[in-house]
Amino acid sequence: MIIALLDYGVGNLHSLAKALEQDGTRVDVTRDWSAALEADALVLPGVGAFSAAVESLPPDPTPIRAALRDGLPCLGICLGMQILLEDSAEGAGTGIGLIAGSVRRLEAAIVPQMGWNEVHTSDDPLFDGLDRLVTYYANSYVCEPDDADTIIARSTYGGDAIVAAVRSHNTWGVQFHPEKSSTPGRRLIRNFITAARASGRLQRSAP
């Protein structure tokens, strides 16, 4: 199984790539969206700022939306979750637009949120075996989807109720960093890989 890990051109993706290399997967780090959409699954990492990340998108993101709506498994992490939406208060630019909504700044006395926080999950395969989930956050902005049905997990930070995870088709977004969240984070990544394998999109096997 080949997972494409998008490189926006900022930040180190080593720890995330290592976390994804499990259960026989191969990770291809790429800046080429055409190549990424040909992989068995796609991961959008959580490094950088919204404006810089969306600058890496093609001028017309319609093929990306179409691939995700057609069932390409995708996991967006932190910033990677935010670019699934339409726009952000963090900066200029337009996201992928798979999920209608915007990204807002955290409403808390201390920003950014840095550290461990409890995640209240719903019944979704991404959270299999994770009855009590505590994960690592590093964020100043959070997603506000227009459709509440896309929300599959929530957290609270400084009195601000925030969206912790979303889902649309076979695309999941998480505001926290599973690659920095110890054993629960590794389990969540394994759950994503399992769901991706079960999606019917698997094109080829890793050597």
N, C-alpha and C. Protein backbone atom coordinates (compact mmCIF):
# COMPACT_ATOMS: atom_id res chain seq x y z
N MET A 1 0.85 -1.19 0.00
CA MET A 1 0.00 0.00 0.00
C MET A 1 0.88 1.24 0.00
N ILE A 2 0.58 2.19 -0.88
CA ILE A 2 1.38 3.41 -1.00
C ILE A 2 0.57 4.60 -0.49
N ILE A 3 1.15 5.32 0.47
CA ILE A 3 0.54 6.53 1.01
C ILE A 3 1.34 7.72 0.50
N ALA A 4 0.66 8.68 -0.13
CA ALA A 4 1.31 9.92 -0.55
C ALA A 4 1.24 10.92 0.60
N LEU A 5 2.39 11.43 1.01
CA LEU A 5 2.47 12.44 2.05
C LEU A 5 2.82 13.77 1.39
N LEU A 6 1.88 14.71 1.41
CA LEU A 6 2.06 15.97 0.70
C LEU A 6 3.10 16.83 1.40
N ASP A 7 4.01 17.37 0.64
CA ASP A 7 5.03 18.29 1.14
C ASP A 7 4.68 19.68 0.65
N TYR A 8 4.25 20.57 1.57
CA TYR A 8 3.92 21.94 1.19
C TYR A 8 5.16 22.79 0.95
N GLY A 9 6.34 22.24 1.25
CA GLY A 9 7.58 22.98 1.08
C GLY A 9 8.05 23.66 2.34
N VAL A 10 7.38 23.38 3.49
CA VAL A 10 7.79 23.96 4.77
C VAL A 10 7.73 22.88 5.84
N GLY A 11 8.77 22.81 6.67
CA GLY A 11 8.71 21.90 7.81
C GLY A 11 9.27 20.53 7.52
N ASN A 12 9.53 19.80 8.61
CA ASN A 12 10.12 18.46 8.55
C ASN A 12 9.02 17.42 8.68
N LEU A 13 8.92 16.53 7.73
CA LEU A 13 7.87 15.51 7.72
C LEU A 13 8.37 14.15 8.20
N HIS A 14 9.59 14.10 8.73
CA HIS A 14 10.21 12.81 9.06
C HIS A 14 9.40 12.02 10.07
N SER A 15 8.98 12.66 11.18
CA SER A 15 8.28 11.92 12.23
C SER A 15 6.94 11.39 11.75
N LEU A 16 6.26 12.17 10.94
CA LEU A 16 4.97 11.71 10.41
C LEU A 16 5.17 10.57 9.42
N ALA A 17 6.17 10.68 8.56
CA ALA A 17 6.44 9.61 7.60
C ALA A 17 6.75 8.31 8.33
N LYS A 18 7.54 8.39 9.41
CA LYS A 18 7.88 7.19 10.18
C LYS A 18 6.63 6.59 10.81
N ALA A 19 5.74 7.45 11.33
CA ALA A 19 4.52 6.96 11.97
C ALA A 19 3.60 6.26 10.97
N LEU A 20 3.65 6.67 9.71
CA LEU A 20 2.79 6.08 8.68
C LEU A 20 3.35 4.76 8.14
N GLU A 21 4.63 4.52 8.36
CA GLU A 21 5.26 3.31 7.83
C GLU A 21 4.99 2.13 8.76
N GLN A 22 3.79 1.61 8.68
CA GLN A 22 3.40 0.46 9.50
C GLN A 22 2.45 -0.41 8.70
N ASP A 23 2.33 -1.66 9.11
CA ASP A 23 1.42 -2.60 8.46
C ASP A 23 1.70 -2.73 6.96
N GLY A 24 2.98 -2.69 6.58
CA GLY A 24 3.35 -2.91 5.19
C GLY A 24 3.12 -1.75 4.26
N THR A 25 2.99 -0.54 4.80
CA THR A 25 2.78 0.62 3.94
C THR A 25 4.11 1.21 3.49
N ARG A 26 4.08 1.89 2.35
CA ARG A 26 5.21 2.67 1.88
C ARG A 26 4.77 4.12 1.76
N VAL A 27 5.61 5.03 2.20
CA VAL A 27 5.27 6.45 2.18
C VAL A 27 6.09 7.15 1.11
N ASP A 28 5.40 7.83 0.21
CA ASP A 28 6.06 8.65 -0.81
C ASP A 28 5.81 10.12 -0.48
N VAL A 29 6.86 10.86 -0.11
CA VAL A 29 6.74 12.30 0.14
C VAL A 29 6.82 13.01 -1.21
N THR A 30 5.82 13.84 -1.49
CA THR A 30 5.75 14.45 -2.82
C THR A 30 5.12 15.84 -2.76
N ARG A 31 5.50 16.67 -3.71
CA ARG A 31 4.84 17.97 -3.91
C ARG A 31 3.95 17.94 -5.15
N ASP A 32 3.90 16.80 -5.81
CA ASP A 32 3.17 16.65 -7.06
C ASP A 32 1.77 16.14 -6.77
N TRP A 33 0.77 16.99 -6.94
CA TRP A 33 -0.61 16.60 -6.64
C TRP A 33 -1.10 15.50 -7.56
N SER A 34 -0.69 15.51 -8.82
CA SER A 34 -1.12 14.46 -9.74
C SER A 34 -0.64 13.10 -9.26
N ALA A 35 0.61 13.03 -8.83
CA ALA A 35 1.16 11.77 -8.30
C ALA A 35 0.46 11.39 -7.00
N ALA A 36 0.17 12.38 -6.17
CA ALA A 36 -0.47 12.11 -4.88
C ALA A 36 -1.85 11.50 -5.07
N LEU A 37 -2.59 11.97 -6.05
CA LEU A 37 -3.95 11.47 -6.27
C LEU A 37 -3.96 10.08 -6.90
N GLU A 38 -2.79 9.61 -7.37
CA GLU A 38 -2.69 8.26 -7.91
C GLU A 38 -2.32 7.24 -6.84
N ALA A 39 -1.97 7.69 -5.65
CA ALA A 39 -1.57 6.78 -4.58
C ALA A 39 -2.80 6.08 -4.01
N ASP A 40 -2.55 5.12 -3.12
CA ASP A 40 -3.65 4.38 -2.49
C ASP A 40 -4.33 5.18 -1.40
N ALA A 41 -3.61 6.12 -0.80
CA ALA A 41 -4.15 6.99 0.23
C ALA A 41 -3.31 8.26 0.27
N LEU A 42 -3.87 9.29 0.87
CA LEU A 42 -3.24 10.61 0.89
C LEU A 42 -3.24 11.13 2.32
N VAL A 43 -2.12 11.72 2.73
CA VAL A 43 -2.04 12.37 4.04
C VAL A 43 -1.59 13.81 3.84
N LEU A 44 -2.35 14.74 4.45
CA LEU A 44 -2.04 16.16 4.42
C LEU A 44 -1.48 16.54 5.79
N PRO A 45 -0.20 16.90 5.88
CA PRO A 45 0.43 17.09 7.19
C PRO A 45 0.07 18.42 7.83
N GLY A 46 0.50 18.56 9.10
CA GLY A 46 0.13 19.72 9.89
C GLY A 46 1.27 20.68 10.11
N VAL A 47 2.07 20.93 9.10
CA VAL A 47 3.18 21.87 9.24
C VAL A 47 2.94 23.09 8.36
N GLY A 48 3.31 24.29 8.88
CA GLY A 48 3.20 25.50 8.09
C GLY A 48 1.96 26.32 8.40
N ALA A 49 1.72 27.31 7.58
CA ALA A 49 0.58 28.22 7.72
C ALA A 49 -0.39 28.01 6.57
N PHE A 50 -1.64 28.42 6.78
CA PHE A 50 -2.71 28.19 5.81
C PHE A 50 -2.34 28.76 4.43
N SER A 51 -1.91 30.03 4.39
CA SER A 51 -1.62 30.66 3.09
C SER A 51 -0.55 29.91 2.32
N ALA A 52 0.52 29.52 3.02
CA ALA A 52 1.60 28.79 2.34
C ALA A 52 1.14 27.44 1.86
N ALA A 53 0.30 26.78 2.66
CA ALA A 53 -0.18 25.45 2.28
C ALA A 53 -1.07 25.51 1.05
N VAL A 54 -2.00 26.46 1.02
CA VAL A 54 -2.93 26.51 -0.12
C VAL A 54 -2.24 27.02 -1.38
N GLU A 55 -1.09 27.69 -1.21
CA GLU A 55 -0.32 28.07 -2.40
C GLU A 55 0.21 26.85 -3.12
N SER A 56 0.32 25.72 -2.39
CA SER A 56 0.80 24.49 -3.01
C SER A 56 -0.30 23.78 -3.80
N LEU A 57 -1.55 24.24 -3.64
CA LEU A 57 -2.65 23.63 -4.39
C LEU A 57 -2.57 24.03 -5.86
N PRO A 58 -3.09 23.20 -6.75
CA PRO A 58 -3.18 23.62 -8.15
C PRO A 58 -4.16 24.78 -8.28
N PRO A 59 -4.07 25.58 -9.34
CA PRO A 59 -4.97 26.72 -9.50
C PRO A 59 -6.44 26.32 -9.44
N ASP A 60 -6.75 25.15 -9.94
CA ASP A 60 -8.11 24.62 -9.86
C ASP A 60 -8.09 23.34 -9.03
N PRO A 61 -8.60 23.40 -7.77
CA PRO A 61 -8.56 22.21 -6.92
C PRO A 61 -9.68 21.21 -7.20
N THR A 62 -10.44 21.42 -8.26
CA THR A 62 -11.55 20.53 -8.57
C THR A 62 -11.14 19.06 -8.65
N PRO A 63 -10.01 18.71 -9.31
CA PRO A 63 -9.61 17.30 -9.35
C PRO A 63 -9.35 16.70 -7.96
N ILE A 64 -8.85 17.52 -7.04
CA ILE A 64 -8.62 17.03 -5.68
C ILE A 64 -9.95 16.73 -5.01
N ARG A 65 -10.89 17.68 -5.08
CA ARG A 65 -12.22 17.44 -4.50
C ARG A 65 -12.88 16.22 -5.12
N ALA A 66 -12.75 16.09 -6.43
CA ALA A 66 -13.38 14.97 -7.12
C ALA A 66 -12.80 13.64 -6.64
N ALA A 67 -11.47 13.56 -6.49
CA ALA A 67 -10.84 12.33 -6.04
C ALA A 67 -11.28 11.98 -4.62
N LEU A 68 -11.36 12.97 -3.75
CA LEU A 68 -11.78 12.72 -2.37
C LEU A 68 -13.25 12.32 -2.31
N ARG A 69 -14.08 12.95 -3.11
CA ARG A 69 -15.50 12.58 -3.14
C ARG A 69 -15.71 11.21 -3.76
N ASP A 70 -14.76 10.81 -4.60
CA ASP A 70 -14.84 9.48 -5.22
C ASP A 70 -14.33 8.38 -4.31
N GLY A 71 -13.83 8.78 -3.13
CA GLY A 71 -13.46 7.78 -2.14
C GLY A 71 -11.99 7.61 -1.85
N LEU A 72 -11.10 8.44 -2.45
CA LEU A 72 -9.68 8.34 -2.13
C LEU A 72 -9.51 8.55 -0.63
N PRO A 73 -8.94 7.58 0.10
CA PRO A 73 -8.75 7.76 1.55
C PRO A 73 -7.75 8.89 1.82
N CYS A 74 -8.09 9.75 2.75
CA CYS A 74 -7.26 10.90 3.06
C CYS A 74 -7.32 11.19 4.55
N LEU A 75 -6.19 11.56 5.12
CA LEU A 75 -6.12 12.01 6.51
C LEU A 75 -5.45 13.37 6.53
N GLY A 76 -6.19 14.39 6.98
CA GLY A 76 -5.64 15.73 7.15
C GLY A 76 -5.32 15.96 8.62
N ILE A 77 -4.11 16.39 8.91
CA ILE A 77 -3.66 16.56 10.29
C ILE A 77 -3.43 18.04 10.57
N CYS A 78 -4.11 18.58 11.58
CA CYS A 78 -3.96 19.97 12.02
C CYS A 78 -4.17 20.91 10.82
N LEU A 79 -3.12 21.54 10.32
CA LEU A 79 -3.26 22.39 9.13
C LEU A 79 -3.83 21.60 7.97
N GLY A 80 -3.45 20.33 7.85
CA GLY A 80 -3.98 19.49 6.77
C GLY A 80 -5.48 19.33 6.85
N MET A 81 -6.03 19.32 8.06
CA MET A 81 -7.49 19.32 8.24
C MET A 81 -8.07 20.66 7.81
N GLN A 82 -7.38 21.75 8.18
CA GLN A 82 -7.92 23.08 7.89
C GLN A 82 -8.01 23.39 6.40
N ILE A 83 -7.05 22.90 5.62
CA ILE A 83 -7.10 23.20 4.18
C ILE A 83 -8.18 22.39 3.47
N LEU A 84 -8.82 21.44 4.17
CA LEU A 84 -9.97 20.74 3.57
C LEU A 84 -11.17 21.67 3.48
N LEU A 85 -11.17 22.77 4.29
CA LEU A 85 -12.27 23.71 4.28
C LEU A 85 -12.03 24.79 3.22
N GLU A 86 -12.82 25.85 3.29
CA GLU A 86 -12.81 26.83 2.20
C GLU A 86 -11.83 27.99 2.41
N ASP A 87 -11.76 28.53 3.63
CA ASP A 87 -10.90 29.68 3.88
C ASP A 87 -10.54 29.74 5.35
N SER A 88 -9.61 30.65 5.70
CA SER A 88 -9.12 30.71 7.07
C SER A 88 -8.85 32.16 7.48
N ALA A 89 -9.12 32.46 8.76
CA ALA A 89 -8.79 33.76 9.32
C ALA A 89 -7.28 33.92 9.47
N GLU A 90 -6.53 32.83 9.34
CA GLU A 90 -5.08 32.91 9.49
C GLU A 90 -4.42 33.65 8.34
N GLY A 91 -5.02 33.58 7.15
CA GLY A 91 -4.39 34.23 6.01
C GLY A 91 -5.19 34.06 4.74
N ALA A 92 -4.69 34.68 3.69
CA ALA A 92 -5.38 34.67 2.41
C ALA A 92 -5.26 33.32 1.74
N GLY A 93 -6.14 33.10 0.78
CA GLY A 93 -6.11 31.88 -0.01
C GLY A 93 -7.35 31.05 0.17
N THR A 94 -7.55 30.13 -0.76
CA THR A 94 -8.73 29.27 -0.77
C THR A 94 -8.30 27.82 -0.61
N GLY A 95 -8.98 27.12 0.29
CA GLY A 95 -8.66 25.73 0.54
C GLY A 95 -9.26 24.80 -0.50
N ILE A 96 -9.18 23.50 -0.22
CA ILE A 96 -9.69 22.49 -1.15
C ILE A 96 -11.20 22.58 -1.28
N GLY A 97 -11.89 22.90 -0.20
CA GLY A 97 -13.33 23.09 -0.26
C GLY A 97 -14.13 21.80 -0.25
N LEU A 98 -13.51 20.70 0.19
CA LEU A 98 -14.27 19.46 0.30
C LEU A 98 -15.36 19.60 1.36
N ILE A 99 -15.04 20.30 2.44
CA ILE A 99 -15.99 20.54 3.53
C ILE A 99 -16.29 22.03 3.57
N ALA A 100 -17.57 22.38 3.47
CA ALA A 100 -17.96 23.78 3.53
C ALA A 100 -17.71 24.33 4.92
N GLY A 101 -17.14 25.53 5.00
CA GLY A 101 -16.89 26.15 6.28
C GLY A 101 -15.58 26.92 6.28
N SER A 102 -15.27 27.51 7.43
CA SER A 102 -14.09 28.36 7.56
C SER A 102 -13.27 27.96 8.78
N VAL A 103 -12.09 28.51 8.85
CA VAL A 103 -11.18 28.28 9.97
C VAL A 103 -11.08 29.58 10.77
N ARG A 104 -11.27 29.51 12.09
CA ARG A 104 -11.23 30.69 12.95
C ARG A 104 -10.11 30.56 13.97
N ARG A 105 -9.77 31.70 14.60
CA ARG A 105 -8.76 31.70 15.66
C ARG A 105 -9.39 31.18 16.95
N LEU A 106 -8.58 30.49 17.74
CA LEU A 106 -9.02 30.01 19.04
C LEU A 106 -9.47 31.18 19.92
N GLU A 107 -10.54 30.98 20.65
CA GLU A 107 -11.04 31.98 21.58
C GLU A 107 -10.67 31.55 23.00
N ALA A 108 -9.44 31.79 23.38
CA ALA A 108 -8.93 31.39 24.69
C ALA A 108 -7.90 32.41 25.14
N ALA A 109 -7.65 32.43 26.45
CA ALA A 109 -6.71 33.41 26.99
C ALA A 109 -5.29 33.12 26.54
N ILE A 110 -4.95 31.87 26.39
CA ILE A 110 -3.60 31.47 25.98
C ILE A 110 -3.67 30.80 24.62
N VAL A 111 -3.04 31.41 23.65
CA VAL A 111 -2.99 30.89 22.28
C VAL A 111 -1.53 30.98 21.83
N PRO A 112 -0.96 29.92 21.27
CA PRO A 112 -1.60 28.69 20.80
C PRO A 112 -1.88 27.69 21.92
N GLN A 113 -2.70 26.70 21.59
CA GLN A 113 -2.87 25.54 22.43
C GLN A 113 -1.68 24.61 22.19
N MET A 114 -0.94 24.34 23.25
CA MET A 114 0.23 23.48 23.13
C MET A 114 0.18 22.45 24.25
N GLY A 115 -0.07 21.19 23.91
CA GLY A 115 -0.06 20.15 24.92
C GLY A 115 -1.18 19.15 24.75
N TRP A 116 -1.37 18.35 25.78
CA TRP A 116 -2.30 17.24 25.74
C TRP A 116 -3.72 17.69 26.09
N ASN A 117 -4.70 17.10 25.41
CA ASN A 117 -6.10 17.45 25.65
C ASN A 117 -6.98 16.24 25.33
N GLU A 118 -8.07 16.11 26.05
CA GLU A 118 -8.98 15.00 25.84
C GLU A 118 -9.84 15.24 24.60
N VAL A 119 -10.10 14.17 23.88
CA VAL A 119 -10.93 14.22 22.67
C VAL A 119 -12.18 13.39 22.91
N HIS A 120 -13.33 14.01 22.73
CA HIS A 120 -14.61 13.31 22.89
C HIS A 120 -15.06 12.84 21.52
N THR A 121 -15.03 11.54 21.31
CA THR A 121 -15.22 10.97 19.98
C THR A 121 -16.63 10.43 19.79
N SER A 122 -16.99 10.28 18.52
CA SER A 122 -18.24 9.61 18.15
C SER A 122 -17.89 8.22 17.62
N ASP A 123 -18.89 7.49 17.19
CA ASP A 123 -18.69 6.14 16.68
C ASP A 123 -18.20 6.22 15.23
N ASP A 124 -16.91 6.06 15.06
CA ASP A 124 -16.30 6.12 13.73
C ASP A 124 -15.11 5.18 13.72
N PRO A 125 -14.86 4.49 12.59
CA PRO A 125 -13.73 3.55 12.53
C PRO A 125 -12.38 4.17 12.88
N LEU A 126 -12.23 5.48 12.71
CA LEU A 126 -10.97 6.13 13.03
C LEU A 126 -10.64 5.99 14.51
N PHE A 127 -11.67 5.81 15.35
CA PHE A 127 -11.46 5.77 16.79
C PHE A 127 -11.64 4.37 17.38
N ASP A 128 -11.61 3.35 16.55
CA ASP A 128 -11.73 1.98 17.06
C ASP A 128 -10.66 1.70 18.11
N GLY A 129 -11.09 1.16 19.26
CA GLY A 129 -10.16 0.81 20.32
C GLY A 129 -9.64 1.99 21.11
N LEU A 130 -10.21 3.17 20.90
CA LEU A 130 -9.76 4.39 21.57
C LEU A 130 -10.90 4.98 22.39
N ASP A 131 -11.30 4.24 23.44
CA ASP A 131 -12.46 4.66 24.23
C ASP A 131 -12.20 5.97 24.97
N ARG A 132 -11.01 6.16 25.47
CA ARG A 132 -10.64 7.44 26.10
C ARG A 132 -9.41 7.96 25.38
N LEU A 133 -9.61 9.00 24.60
CA LEU A 133 -8.54 9.48 23.72
C LEU A 133 -8.00 10.81 24.24
N VAL A 134 -6.71 10.84 24.51
CA VAL A 134 -6.01 12.07 24.89
C VAL A 134 -4.87 12.25 23.89
N THR A 135 -4.83 13.42 23.26
CA THR A 135 -3.87 13.62 22.16
C THR A 135 -3.13 14.94 22.33
N TYR A 136 -2.11 15.09 21.50
CA TYR A 136 -1.27 16.29 21.56
C TYR A 136 -1.72 17.32 20.52
N TYR A 137 -1.95 18.54 21.00
CA TYR A 137 -2.35 19.65 20.14
C TYR A 137 -1.23 20.68 20.03
N ALA A 138 -1.16 21.36 18.90
CA ALA A 138 -0.27 22.50 18.70
C ALA A 138 -0.94 23.40 17.66
N ASN A 139 -1.86 24.23 18.11
CA ASN A 139 -2.66 25.00 17.14
C ASN A 139 -3.14 26.32 17.70
N SER A 140 -3.32 27.28 16.80
CA SER A 140 -3.91 28.58 17.13
C SER A 140 -5.26 28.77 16.46
N TYR A 141 -5.57 27.91 15.50
CA TYR A 141 -6.80 28.03 14.71
C TYR A 141 -7.56 26.71 14.72
N VAL A 142 -8.88 26.79 14.54
CA VAL A 142 -9.73 25.61 14.56
C VAL A 142 -10.78 25.72 13.45
N CYS A 143 -11.30 24.57 13.05
CA CYS A 143 -12.27 24.50 11.96
C CYS A 143 -13.69 24.74 12.45
N GLU A 144 -14.47 25.39 11.59
CA GLU A 144 -15.90 25.59 11.83
C GLU A 144 -16.68 25.11 10.60
N PRO A 145 -16.95 23.81 10.49
CA PRO A 145 -17.72 23.31 9.34
C PRO A 145 -19.15 23.84 9.36
N ASP A 146 -19.71 24.08 8.19
CA ASP A 146 -21.10 24.51 8.10
C ASP A 146 -22.06 23.38 8.46
N ASP A 147 -21.69 22.16 8.12
CA ASP A 147 -22.55 20.99 8.35
C ASP A 147 -22.07 20.25 9.59
N ALA A 148 -22.86 20.29 10.65
CA ALA A 148 -22.48 19.63 11.90
C ALA A 148 -22.34 18.12 11.74
N ASP A 149 -22.96 17.56 10.72
CA ASP A 149 -22.88 16.11 10.51
C ASP A 149 -21.48 15.65 10.12
N THR A 150 -20.63 16.58 9.69
CA THR A 150 -19.25 16.21 9.34
C THR A 150 -18.37 16.10 10.59
N ILE A 151 -18.85 16.59 11.73
CA ILE A 151 -18.04 16.61 12.95
C ILE A 151 -18.13 15.25 13.64
N ILE A 152 -16.97 14.64 13.92
CA ILE A 152 -16.96 13.32 14.56
C ILE A 152 -16.25 13.33 15.91
N ALA A 153 -15.68 14.47 16.31
CA ALA A 153 -15.04 14.55 17.62
C ALA A 153 -14.90 16.02 18.02
N ARG A 154 -14.89 16.25 19.34
CA ARG A 154 -14.75 17.60 19.86
C ARG A 154 -13.81 17.61 21.05
N SER A 155 -13.25 18.78 21.34
CA SER A 155 -12.45 19.02 22.54
C SER A 155 -12.85 20.37 23.10
N THR A 156 -12.35 20.69 24.28
CA THR A 156 -12.55 22.02 24.87
C THR A 156 -11.19 22.55 25.30
N TYR A 157 -10.92 23.81 24.96
CA TYR A 157 -9.66 24.42 25.34
C TYR A 157 -9.92 25.84 25.84
N GLY A 158 -9.57 26.11 27.08
CA GLY A 158 -9.75 27.45 27.64
C GLY A 158 -11.17 27.93 27.57
N GLY A 159 -12.12 27.00 27.71
CA GLY A 159 -13.53 27.35 27.64
C GLY A 159 -14.09 27.42 26.23
N ASP A 160 -13.25 27.22 25.23
CA ASP A 160 -13.67 27.27 23.83
C ASP A 160 -13.94 25.84 23.35
N ALA A 161 -15.18 25.54 22.98
CA ALA A 161 -15.52 24.23 22.43
C ALA A 161 -15.04 24.18 20.98
N ILE A 162 -14.18 23.22 20.67
CA ILE A 162 -13.55 23.18 19.35
C ILE A 162 -13.82 21.85 18.66
N VAL A 163 -13.78 21.90 17.35
CA VAL A 163 -13.93 20.70 16.53
C VAL A 163 -12.58 19.98 16.50
N ALA A 164 -12.58 18.73 16.98
CA ALA A 164 -11.34 17.96 17.03
C ALA A 164 -11.14 17.08 15.81
N ALA A 165 -12.24 16.67 15.16
CA ALA A 165 -12.12 15.80 13.98
C ALA A 165 -13.35 15.92 13.12
N VAL A 166 -13.16 15.73 11.82
CA VAL A 166 -14.25 15.77 10.85
C VAL A 166 -14.12 14.57 9.91
N ARG A 167 -15.22 14.29 9.21
CA ARG A 167 -15.17 13.26 8.19
C ARG A 167 -16.12 13.61 7.05
N SER A 168 -15.66 13.37 5.81
CA SER A 168 -16.48 13.47 4.61
C SER A 168 -16.02 12.39 3.65
N HIS A 169 -16.93 11.48 3.27
CA HIS A 169 -16.57 10.34 2.43
C HIS A 169 -15.47 9.53 3.15
N ASN A 170 -14.35 9.24 2.48
CA ASN A 170 -13.23 8.54 3.11
C ASN A 170 -12.12 9.50 3.53
N THR A 171 -12.49 10.75 3.75
CA THR A 171 -11.54 11.76 4.19
C THR A 171 -11.81 12.11 5.65
N TRP A 172 -10.76 12.00 6.44
CA TRP A 172 -10.82 12.39 7.85
C TRP A 172 -9.87 13.56 8.08
N GLY A 173 -10.26 14.45 8.99
CA GLY A 173 -9.37 15.51 9.44
C GLY A 173 -9.31 15.50 10.95
N VAL A 174 -8.12 15.65 11.51
CA VAL A 174 -7.96 15.74 12.96
C VAL A 174 -7.17 17.00 13.29
N GLN A 175 -7.63 17.74 14.30
CA GLN A 175 -6.96 18.99 14.65
C GLN A 175 -5.69 18.74 15.45
N PHE A 176 -5.60 17.61 16.11
CA PHE A 176 -4.43 17.25 16.91
C PHE A 176 -3.39 16.54 16.05
N HIS A 177 -2.28 16.16 16.68
CA HIS A 177 -1.18 15.51 15.97
C HIS A 177 -1.06 14.06 16.43
N PRO A 178 -1.60 13.10 15.71
CA PRO A 178 -1.47 11.71 16.13
C PRO A 178 -0.03 11.22 16.16
N GLU A 179 0.82 11.75 15.28
CA GLU A 179 2.22 11.31 15.24
C GLU A 179 2.99 11.75 16.48
N LYS A 180 2.42 12.66 17.27
CA LYS A 180 3.04 13.12 18.52
C LYS A 180 2.25 12.65 19.74
N SER A 181 1.30 11.76 19.54
CA SER A 181 0.35 11.39 20.59
C SER A 181 0.57 9.98 21.13
N SER A 182 1.81 9.51 21.10
CA SER A 182 2.19 8.25 21.74
C SER A 182 1.34 7.08 21.21
N THR A 183 1.06 6.11 22.08
CA THR A 183 0.36 4.89 21.66
C THR A 183 -1.02 5.16 21.06
N PRO A 184 -1.85 6.04 21.67
CA PRO A 184 -3.15 6.31 21.05
C PRO A 184 -3.03 6.88 19.64
N GLY A 185 -2.04 7.73 19.42
CA GLY A 185 -1.85 8.30 18.09
C GLY A 185 -1.45 7.25 17.07
N ARG A 186 -0.58 6.34 17.49
CA ARG A 186 -0.19 5.25 16.57
C ARG A 186 -1.40 4.38 16.25
N ARG A 187 -2.26 4.14 17.24
CA ARG A 187 -3.46 3.34 16.99
C ARG A 187 -4.39 4.06 16.01
N LEU A 188 -4.54 5.37 16.16
CA LEU A 188 -5.39 6.11 15.24
C LEU A 188 -4.86 6.03 13.82
N ILE A 189 -3.55 6.17 13.65
CA ILE A 189 -2.96 6.06 12.32
C ILE A 189 -3.18 4.66 11.76
N ARG A 190 -3.03 3.63 12.61
CA ARG A 190 -3.29 2.27 12.16
C ARG A 190 -4.74 2.11 11.74
N ASN A 191 -5.65 2.73 12.48
CA ASN A 191 -7.07 2.67 12.11
C ASN A 191 -7.32 3.32 10.75
N PHE A 192 -6.63 4.43 10.48
CA PHE A 192 -6.77 5.06 9.17
C PHE A 192 -6.27 4.14 8.07
N ILE A 193 -5.12 3.53 8.29
CA ILE A 193 -4.57 2.61 7.29
C ILE A 193 -5.52 1.44 7.05
N THR A 194 -6.08 0.90 8.13
CA THR A 194 -7.04 -0.20 8.00
C THR A 194 -8.26 0.23 7.19
N ALA A 195 -8.78 1.42 7.48
CA ALA A 195 -9.94 1.93 6.75
C ALA A 195 -9.60 2.17 5.28
N ALA A 196 -8.38 2.65 5.03
CA ALA A 196 -7.96 2.89 3.65
C ALA A 196 -7.88 1.58 2.88
N ARG A 197 -7.37 0.54 3.52
CA ARG A 197 -7.30 -0.76 2.86
C ARG A 197 -8.70 -1.30 2.55
N ALA A 198 -9.64 -1.04 3.44
CA ALA A 198 -10.99 -1.56 3.28
C ALA A 198 -11.84 -0.74 2.31
N SER A 199 -11.30 0.37 1.84
CA SER A 199 -12.10 1.28 1.03
C SER A 199 -12.33 0.79 -0.39
N GLY A 200 -11.53 -0.19 -0.82
CA GLY A 200 -11.66 -0.66 -2.20
C GLY A 200 -10.84 0.15 -3.19
N ARG A 201 -10.06 1.12 -2.70
CA ARG A 201 -9.27 1.98 -3.58
C ARG A 201 -7.84 1.47 -3.76
N LEU A 202 -7.48 0.41 -3.06
CA LEU A 202 -6.11 -0.07 -3.12
C LEU A 202 -5.74 -0.44 -4.56
N GLN A 203 -4.71 0.21 -5.08
CA GLN A 203 -4.33 0.02 -6.48
C GLN A 203 -3.20 -0.98 -6.65
N ARG A 204 -2.33 -1.08 -5.63
CA ARG A 204 -1.14 -1.91 -5.77
C ARG A 204 -0.60 -2.17 -4.38
N SER A 205 0.28 -3.12 -4.27
CA SER A 205 0.86 -3.48 -2.98
C SER A 205 2.28 -2.98 -2.88
N ALA A 206 2.66 -2.57 -1.69
CA ALA A 206 4.04 -2.14 -1.48
C ALA A 206 4.96 -3.36 -1.58
N PRO A 207 6.16 -3.16 -2.10
CA PRO A 207 7.10 -4.28 -2.22
C PRO A 207 7.56 -4.75 -0.85
